Amino acid sequence: MIEDPSSVAVELVEVVDEAGTPIRTVSRAEMRLNRLRHRAVFVVVTNSANELLVHQRSDLKDLWPGRWDIAAGGVCAPGETWEHAAARELKEELGITAHLQPLADVKYSDDEVSLCGRVFRVQHDGPCRAFPPSRQAPRSSRSR
């Protein structure tokens, strides 16, 4: 299922090579349809008690709907820095503005997606909120 087919079809995404270098720009719909490698960010949220924020993805998401997730995040816009994309996604999805700590660069590929990503962590003790349809109720869990 797709959140809003009309907006997803016109959202632009950079296709990247194995090193993460942009090759061309395509629609998000084409990227998903053809499983094209793209850039994405992931933001892990913990609080001062070292509890990990866990949330359930909306059933309307175009990738892994309804599954549990341990990071806010999403696809980078063309030309967008990793940090800007992570801050944007964190604010859009959970209403959080916080200092981003880079953790790792990752490459991931399966039958549904292919990406070059960057993982960040933030510590946040305040409230957060899910903004439908992107996310469902956040919960916390102790991380070890």
Protein backbone atom coordinates (compact mmCIF):
# COMPACT_ATOMS: atom_id res chain seq x y z
CA MET A 1 0.00 0.00 0.00
CA ILE A 2 1.16 3.53 -0.68
CA GLU A 3 0.45 6.49 1.61
CA ASP A 4 -0.74 8.82 -1.13
CA PRO A 5 -0.01 7.56 -4.63
CA SER A 6 -0.21 11.03 -6.15
CA SER A 7 2.46 12.50 -3.84
CA VAL A 8 4.73 9.44 -3.86
CA ALA A 9 4.78 9.31 -7.67
CA VAL A 10 6.20 12.85 -7.94
CA GLU A 11 8.66 12.71 -5.03
CA LEU A 12 12.16 12.63 -6.53
CA VAL A 13 14.91 10.30 -5.33
CA GLU A 14 18.56 9.99 -6.33
CA VAL A 15 19.65 6.61 -7.60
CA VAL A 16 23.19 5.94 -6.34
CA ASP A 17 26.00 3.54 -7.18
CA GLU A 18 27.55 1.09 -4.71
CA ALA A 19 29.64 3.89 -3.19
CA GLY A 20 26.61 6.14 -2.72
CA THR A 21 27.46 8.51 -5.57
CA PRO A 22 24.36 9.89 -7.35
CA ILE A 23 23.81 8.50 -10.85
CA ARG A 24 20.42 9.94 -11.79
CA THR A 25 17.14 11.17 -10.35
CA VAL A 26 13.89 9.19 -10.62
CA SER A 27 10.47 9.25 -9.02
CA ARG A 28 10.02 7.46 -5.70
CA ALA A 29 7.49 5.20 -7.43
CA GLU A 30 10.07 4.15 -10.05
CA MET A 31 12.69 3.63 -7.34
CA ARG A 32 10.35 1.29 -5.43
CA LEU A 33 9.06 -0.49 -8.54
CA ASN A 34 12.56 -1.26 -9.84
CA ARG A 35 14.26 -1.66 -6.43
CA LEU A 36 16.84 1.01 -7.31
CA ARG A 37 19.63 1.76 -4.84
CA HIS A 38 19.11 5.10 -3.08
CA ARG A 39 20.22 6.99 0.04
CA ALA A 40 18.29 6.72 3.32
CA VAL A 41 18.77 7.78 6.94
CA PHE A 42 17.91 6.06 10.19
CA VAL A 43 17.70 7.76 13.60
CA VAL A 44 17.73 5.64 16.75
CA VAL A 45 16.16 7.43 19.74
CA THR A 46 17.10 6.60 23.32
CA ASN A 47 16.44 8.45 26.56
CA SER A 48 18.75 9.08 29.54
CA ALA A 49 17.61 5.74 31.06
CA ASN A 50 18.96 4.09 27.90
CA GLU A 51 15.48 3.03 26.79
CA LEU A 52 15.06 2.56 23.05
CA LEU A 53 12.06 4.09 21.29
CA VAL A 54 10.22 1.42 19.29
CA HIS A 55 7.30 2.26 17.02
CA GLN A 56 4.98 0.47 14.65
CA ARG A 57 5.00 1.58 11.03
CA SER A 58 1.70 2.62 9.55
CA ASP A 59 -0.20 0.09 7.47
CA LEU A 60 -0.14 2.76 4.73
CA LYS A 61 3.66 2.82 4.29
CA ASP A 62 5.03 1.79 0.87
CA LEU A 63 7.74 -0.38 2.49
CA TRP A 64 7.29 -2.79 5.40
CA PRO A 65 3.80 -1.60 6.41
CA GLY A 66 2.69 -2.47 9.93
CA ARG A 67 6.10 -3.76 11.02
CA TRP A 68 7.85 -2.69 14.21
CA ASP A 69 10.78 -0.31 13.77
CA ILE A 70 13.63 0.90 15.98
CA ALA A 71 14.49 4.03 13.99
CA ALA A 72 12.83 7.08 12.54
CA GLY A 73 14.06 7.82 9.05
CA GLY A 74 13.48 7.73 5.37
CA VAL A 75 14.70 8.48 1.89
CA CYS A 76 17.05 11.42 1.31
CA ALA A 77 15.93 14.10 -1.12
CA PRO A 78 18.18 14.85 -4.12
CA GLY A 79 21.21 16.85 -2.96
CA GLU A 80 20.17 16.67 0.71
CA THR A 81 22.93 16.09 3.26
CA TRP A 82 22.75 13.06 5.54
CA GLU A 83 22.39 15.33 8.58
CA HIS A 84 19.63 17.45 7.07
CA ALA A 85 17.68 14.36 5.98
CA ALA A 86 18.01 12.79 9.44
CA ALA A 87 16.93 15.99 11.22
CA ARG A 88 14.00 16.41 8.81
CA GLU A 89 12.78 12.84 9.22
CA LEU A 90 13.13 12.96 13.02
CA LYS A 91 11.09 16.17 13.18
CA GLU A 92 8.45 14.96 10.67
CA GLU A 93 7.97 11.53 12.20
CA LEU A 94 8.38 12.06 15.93
CA GLY A 95 8.32 15.85 16.48
CA ILE A 96 11.85 15.74 17.91
CA THR A 97 14.67 18.22 17.40
CA ALA A 98 17.89 16.94 18.98
CA HIS A 99 21.66 16.72 18.47
CA LEU A 100 22.42 13.97 15.93
CA GLN A 101 25.30 11.61 16.68
CA PRO A 102 26.47 9.70 13.58
CA LEU A 103 26.87 5.97 14.27
CA ALA A 104 27.56 4.13 11.03
CA ASP A 105 27.28 4.04 7.28
CA VAL A 106 25.41 0.98 6.06
CA LYS A 107 24.51 -0.80 2.85
CA TYR A 108 21.38 -2.93 2.77
CA SER A 109 19.63 -4.92 0.10
CA ASP A 110 16.82 -7.48 0.09
CA ASP A 111 14.00 -8.47 -2.26
CA GLU A 112 12.19 -5.16 -1.63
CA VAL A 113 14.82 -2.47 -1.19
CA SER A 114 18.43 -1.53 -1.97
CA LEU A 115 20.06 1.39 -0.17
CA CYS A 116 23.14 3.17 1.09
CA GLY A 117 22.34 4.59 4.50
CA ARG A 118 23.64 6.49 7.46
CA VAL A 119 22.56 5.68 11.02
CA PHE A 120 22.35 8.36 13.71
CA ARG A 121 21.47 8.33 17.39
CA VAL A 122 19.79 11.00 19.50
CA GLN A 123 19.07 11.14 23.19
CA HIS A 124 15.67 12.58 23.98
CA ASP A 125 13.84 12.58 27.32
CA GLY A 126 10.90 14.68 26.29
CA PRO A 127 7.67 13.61 24.71
CA CYS A 128 7.48 12.50 21.12
CA ARG A 129 4.49 12.05 18.92
CA ALA A 130 3.64 9.97 15.93
CA PHE A 131 2.39 11.85 12.92
CA PRO A 132 -0.08 9.71 10.95
CA PRO A 133 0.02 8.14 8.48
CA SER A 134 3.78 7.71 8.75
CA ARG A 135 3.96 6.16 12.21
CA GLN A 136 1.80 4.55 14.84
CA ALA A 137 2.10 4.67 18.64
CA PRO A 138 5.71 4.85 19.86
CA ARG A 139 6.79 2.68 22.81
CA SER A 140 10.04 2.40 24.68
CA SER A 141 12.16 -0.59 25.56
CA ARG A 142 15.34 -0.89 27.60
CA SER A 143 18.39 -1.23 25.37
CA ARG A 144 21.38 -3.19 26.57
